[in-house]
Amino acid sequence: MLKKIPNPIDRHVGARVRMRRMLAGVSQEKLGDALGLTFQQVQKYEKGSNRISASRLQQIAKMLDVPVSFFFDGAPTGDMPTGGFSDAASTAYVSDFLATSEGVQLTKAFLRIRSSKVRRRIVDLVEAMAEDETPDG
């Protein structure tokens, strides 16, 4: 039996639900309870393996205090880019990063740093560390 591959838009919407839920500090259990679902169902939504209905997406948007359109920001359109990089492709790595717990933790901590000089030093440090990780570095 072939495994069903989630639709790219369902995966994108699910990843945006996860990102927003994590940024809001809401657990899968808490969101599930508020929706009358198990945390496993929330997990399936976030992975894109189960499609979220329009009415459910509206409930989630209200609970996470974002417009429904938030979940579609940067969604794949299926269109071919007309010249160079598409906006969705160039920002996909940001969504992927923010869909991880480390990405959310790092973002929250980084935003609490008031000094622009300190933030710049952190960016420089991370870039230097990333260069050391490259095969040719």
C-alpha atoms as a PDB file:
ATOM      1  CA  MET A   1       0.000   0.000   0.000  1.00  0.00           C
ATOM      2  CA  LEU A   2       1.375   3.403  -0.976  1.00  0.00           C
ATOM      3  CA  LYS A   3       1.747   6.046   1.683  1.00  0.00           C
ATOM      4  CA  LYS A   4      -0.334   9.131   0.919  1.00  0.00           C
ATOM      5  CA  ILE A   5       1.814  12.222   0.488  1.00  0.00           C
ATOM      6  CA  PRO A   6       0.323  15.352   2.083  1.00  0.00           C
ATOM      7  CA  ASN A   7      -0.723  18.164  -0.242  1.00  0.00           C
ATOM      8  CA  PRO A   8       1.927  20.941  -0.200  1.00  0.00           C
ATOM      9  CA  ILE A   9      -0.653  23.556   0.828  1.00  0.00           C
ATOM     10  CA  ASP A  10      -1.954  21.347   3.658  1.00  0.00           C
ATOM     11  CA  ARG A  11       1.645  20.910   4.843  1.00  0.00           C
ATOM     12  CA  HIS A  12       2.269  24.653   4.617  1.00  0.00           C
ATOM     13  CA  VAL A  13      -0.922  25.564   6.517  1.00  0.00           C
ATOM     14  CA  GLY A  14      -0.095  22.928   9.145  1.00  0.00           C
ATOM     15  CA  ALA A  15       3.438  24.267   9.552  1.00  0.00           C
ATOM     16  CA  ARG A  16       2.063  27.799   9.987  1.00  0.00           C
ATOM     17  CA  VAL A  17      -0.399  26.523  12.631  1.00  0.00           C
ATOM     18  CA  ARG A  18       2.528  24.879  14.453  1.00  0.00           C
ATOM     19  CA  MET A  19       4.708  27.985  14.182  1.00  0.00           C
ATOM     20  CA  ARG A  20       1.983  30.296  15.511  1.00  0.00           C
ATOM     21  CA  ARG A  21       0.964  27.852  18.259  1.00  0.00           C
ATOM     22  CA  MET A  22       4.566  27.595  19.444  1.00  0.00           C
ATOM     23  CA  LEU A  23       5.143  31.354  19.295  1.00  0.00           C
ATOM     24  CA  ALA A  24       1.981  31.812  21.376  1.00  0.00           C
ATOM     25  CA  GLY A  25       3.278  29.264  23.905  1.00  0.00           C
ATOM     26  CA  VAL A  26       0.271  26.966  23.444  1.00  0.00           C
ATOM     27  CA  SER A  27       0.769  23.197  23.686  1.00  0.00           C
ATOM     28  CA  GLN A  28      -0.803  20.750  21.248  1.00  0.00           C
ATOM     29  CA  GLU A  29      -2.843  19.430  24.171  1.00  0.00           C
ATOM     30  CA  LYS A  30      -4.163  22.881  25.075  1.00  0.00           C
ATOM     31  CA  LEU A  31      -5.097  23.699  21.473  1.00  0.00           C
ATOM     32  CA  GLY A  32      -6.687  20.272  21.066  1.00  0.00           C
ATOM     33  CA  ASP A  33      -8.737  20.706  24.257  1.00  0.00           C
ATOM     34  CA  ALA A  34      -9.967  24.109  23.089  1.00  0.00           C
ATOM     35  CA  LEU A  35     -11.017  22.585  19.751  1.00  0.00           C
ATOM     36  CA  GLY A  36     -12.467  19.412  21.252  1.00  0.00           C
ATOM     37  CA  LEU A  37      -9.714  17.299  19.654  1.00  0.00           C
ATOM     38  CA  THR A  38      -6.895  15.067  20.831  1.00  0.00           C
ATOM     39  CA  PHE A  39      -3.332  16.333  20.622  1.00  0.00           C
ATOM     40  CA  GLN A  40      -2.743  13.567  18.055  1.00  0.00           C
ATOM     41  CA  GLN A  41      -5.309  15.197  15.759  1.00  0.00           C
ATOM     42  CA  VAL A  42      -3.528  18.546  16.193  1.00  0.00           C
ATOM     43  CA  GLN A  43      -0.252  16.777  15.291  1.00  0.00           C
ATOM     44  CA  LYS A  44      -1.835  15.419  12.108  1.00  0.00           C
ATOM     45  CA  TYR A  45      -3.067  18.905  11.202  1.00  0.00           C
ATOM     46  CA  GLU A  46       0.389  20.358  11.783  1.00  0.00           C
ATOM     47  CA  LYS A  47       2.085  17.696   9.644  1.00  0.00           C
ATOM     48  CA  GLY A  48      -0.446  18.249   6.868  1.00  0.00           C
ATOM     49  CA  SER A  49      -1.462  14.594   6.917  1.00  0.00           C
ATOM     50  CA  ASN A  50      -5.031  15.617   7.839  1.00  0.00           C
ATOM     51  CA  ARG A  51      -6.629  18.539   6.032  1.00  0.00           C
ATOM     52  CA  ILE A  52      -8.039  21.362   8.181  1.00  0.00           C
ATOM     53  CA  SER A  53     -11.594  22.385   7.274  1.00  0.00           C
ATOM     54  CA  ALA A  54     -12.404  26.056   6.715  1.00  0.00           C
ATOM     55  CA  SER A  55     -14.503  26.296   9.881  1.00  0.00           C
ATOM     56  CA  ARG A  56     -11.785  24.590  11.956  1.00  0.00           C
ATOM     57  CA  LEU A  57      -9.126  26.881  10.494  1.00  0.00           C
ATOM     58  CA  GLN A  58     -11.252  29.873  11.469  1.00  0.00           C
ATOM     59  CA  GLN A  59     -11.479  28.519  15.052  1.00  0.00           C
ATOM     60  CA  ILE A  60      -7.708  28.001  15.169  1.00  0.00           C
ATOM     61  CA  ALA A  61      -7.069  31.510  13.818  1.00  0.00           C
ATOM     62  CA  LYS A  62      -9.320  33.010  16.492  1.00  0.00           C
ATOM     63  CA  MET A  63      -7.651  31.008  19.275  1.00  0.00           C
ATOM     64  CA  LEU A  64      -4.160  31.929  18.087  1.00  0.00           C
ATOM     65  CA  ASP A  65      -5.142  35.568  17.463  1.00  0.00           C
ATOM     66  CA  VAL A  66      -4.244  35.766  13.763  1.00  0.00           C
ATOM     67  CA  PRO A  67      -6.330  36.264  10.610  1.00  0.00           C
ATOM     68  CA  VAL A  68      -7.065  33.107   8.609  1.00  0.00           C
ATOM     69  CA  SER A  69      -4.899  34.532   5.812  1.00  0.00           C
ATOM     70  CA  PHE A  70      -1.852  34.174   8.115  1.00  0.00           C
ATOM     71  CA  PHE A  71      -1.865  30.418   7.515  1.00  0.00           C
ATOM     72  CA  PHE A  72      -1.572  30.913   3.749  1.00  0.00           C
ATOM     73  CA  ASP A  73       1.234  33.508   3.792  1.00  0.00           C
ATOM     74  CA  GLY A  74       4.031  32.183   1.586  1.00  0.00           C
ATOM     75  CA  ALA A  75       2.016  29.120   0.540  1.00  0.00           C
ATOM     76  CA  PRO A  76       3.090  27.295  -2.604  1.00  0.00           C
ATOM     77  CA  THR A  77       0.937  28.277  -5.568  1.00  0.00           C
ATOM     78  CA  GLY A  78       2.013  25.673  -8.073  1.00  0.00           C
ATOM     79  CA  ASP A  79       2.907  28.487 -10.474  1.00  0.00           C
ATOM     80  CA  MET A  80       6.361  28.611 -11.954  1.00  0.00           C
ATOM     81  CA  PRO A  81       8.422  31.644 -10.896  1.00  0.00           C
ATOM     82  CA  THR A  82       8.633  34.180 -13.722  1.00  0.00           C
ATOM     83  CA  GLY A  83      12.215  35.226 -13.230  1.00  0.00           C
ATOM     84  CA  GLY A  84      14.642  34.219 -10.530  1.00  0.00           C
ATOM     85  CA  PHE A  85      13.527  33.250  -7.073  1.00  0.00           C
ATOM     86  CA  SER A  86       9.906  33.310  -5.981  1.00  0.00           C
ATOM     87  CA  ASP A  87       9.033  35.022  -2.698  1.00  0.00           C
ATOM     88  CA  ALA A  88       7.579  31.767  -1.369  1.00  0.00           C
ATOM     89  CA  ALA A  89      10.768  29.848  -2.141  1.00  0.00           C
ATOM     90  CA  SER A  90      13.023  32.488  -0.645  1.00  0.00           C
ATOM     91  CA  THR A  91      11.050  32.601   2.621  1.00  0.00           C
ATOM     92  CA  ALA A  92      10.352  28.867   2.951  1.00  0.00           C
ATOM     93  CA  TYR A  93      13.479  28.361   5.057  1.00  0.00           C
ATOM     94  CA  VAL A  94      12.191  30.926   7.566  1.00  0.00           C
ATOM     95  CA  SER A  95       8.920  29.034   7.973  1.00  0.00           C
ATOM     96  CA  ASP A  96      10.819  25.751   8.282  1.00  0.00           C
ATOM     97  CA  PHE A  97      13.066  27.281  10.961  1.00  0.00           C
ATOM     98  CA  LEU A  98      10.138  28.726  12.913  1.00  0.00           C
ATOM     99  CA  ALA A  99       8.345  25.389  12.772  1.00  0.00           C
ATOM    100  CA  THR A 100      11.014  23.934  15.086  1.00  0.00           C
ATOM    101  CA  SER A 101      11.043  24.370  18.853  1.00  0.00           C
ATOM    102  CA  GLU A 102      14.651  25.612  18.656  1.00  0.00           C
ATOM    103  CA  GLY A 103      13.663  28.204  16.079  1.00  0.00           C
ATOM    104  CA  VAL A 104      10.859  29.500  18.270  1.00  0.00           C
ATOM    105  CA  GLN A 105      13.078  29.564  21.384  1.00  0.00           C
ATOM    106  CA  LEU A 106      15.878  31.349  19.563  1.00  0.00           C
ATOM    107  CA  THR A 107      13.500  33.882  18.023  1.00  0.00           C
ATOM    108  CA  LYS A 108      11.815  34.675  21.361  1.00  0.00           C
ATOM    109  CA  ALA A 109      15.174  35.105  23.107  1.00  0.00           C
ATOM    110  CA  PHE A 110      16.640  37.171  20.256  1.00  0.00           C
ATOM    111  CA  LEU A 111      13.656  39.538  20.277  1.00  0.00           C
ATOM    112  CA  ARG A 112      14.207  40.229  23.996  1.00  0.00           C
ATOM    113  CA  ILE A 113      17.705  41.604  23.304  1.00  0.00           C
ATOM    114  CA  ARG A 114      17.403  45.383  23.215  1.00  0.00           C
ATOM    115  CA  SER A 115      20.888  46.273  22.015  1.00  0.00           C
ATOM    116  CA  SER A 116      21.254  46.343  18.242  1.00  0.00           C
ATOM    117  CA  LYS A 117      25.035  45.919  18.665  1.00  0.00           C
ATOM    118  CA  VAL A 118      24.539  42.709  20.657  1.00  0.00           C
ATOM    119  CA  ARG A 119      22.009  41.397  18.104  1.00  0.00           C
ATOM    120  CA  ARG A 120      24.500  42.138  15.296  1.00  0.00           C
ATOM    121  CA  ARG A 121      27.264  40.287  17.185  1.00  0.00           C
ATOM    122  CA  ILE A 122      24.992  37.279  17.601  1.00  0.00           C
ATOM    123  CA  VAL A 123      24.220  37.234  13.869  1.00  0.00           C
ATOM    124  CA  ASP A 124      27.950  37.503  13.100  1.00  0.00           C
ATOM    125  CA  LEU A 125      28.703  34.655  15.525  1.00  0.00           C
ATOM    126  CA  VAL A 126      26.036  32.369  14.058  1.00  0.00           C
ATOM    127  CA  GLU A 127      27.192  33.119  10.509  1.00  0.00           C
ATOM    128  CA  ALA A 128      30.814  32.330  11.483  1.00  0.00           C
ATOM    129  CA  MET A 129      29.703  29.071  13.122  1.00  0.00           C
ATOM    130  CA  ALA A 130      27.689  28.138  10.030  1.00  0.00           C
ATOM    131  CA  GLU A 131      30.724  28.753   7.794  1.00  0.00           C
ATOM    132  CA  ASP A 132      32.736  26.315   9.951  1.00  0.00           C
ATOM    133  CA  GLU A 133      30.040  23.677   9.296  1.00  0.00           C
ATOM    134  CA  THR A 134      30.332  23.832   5.498  1.00  0.00           C
ATOM    135  CA  PRO A 135      32.261  20.968   3.854  1.00  0.00           C
ATOM    136  CA  ASP A 136      34.713  23.352   2.164  1.00  0.00           C
ATOM    137  CA  GLY A 137      35.241  25.473   5.314  1.00  0.00           C
END
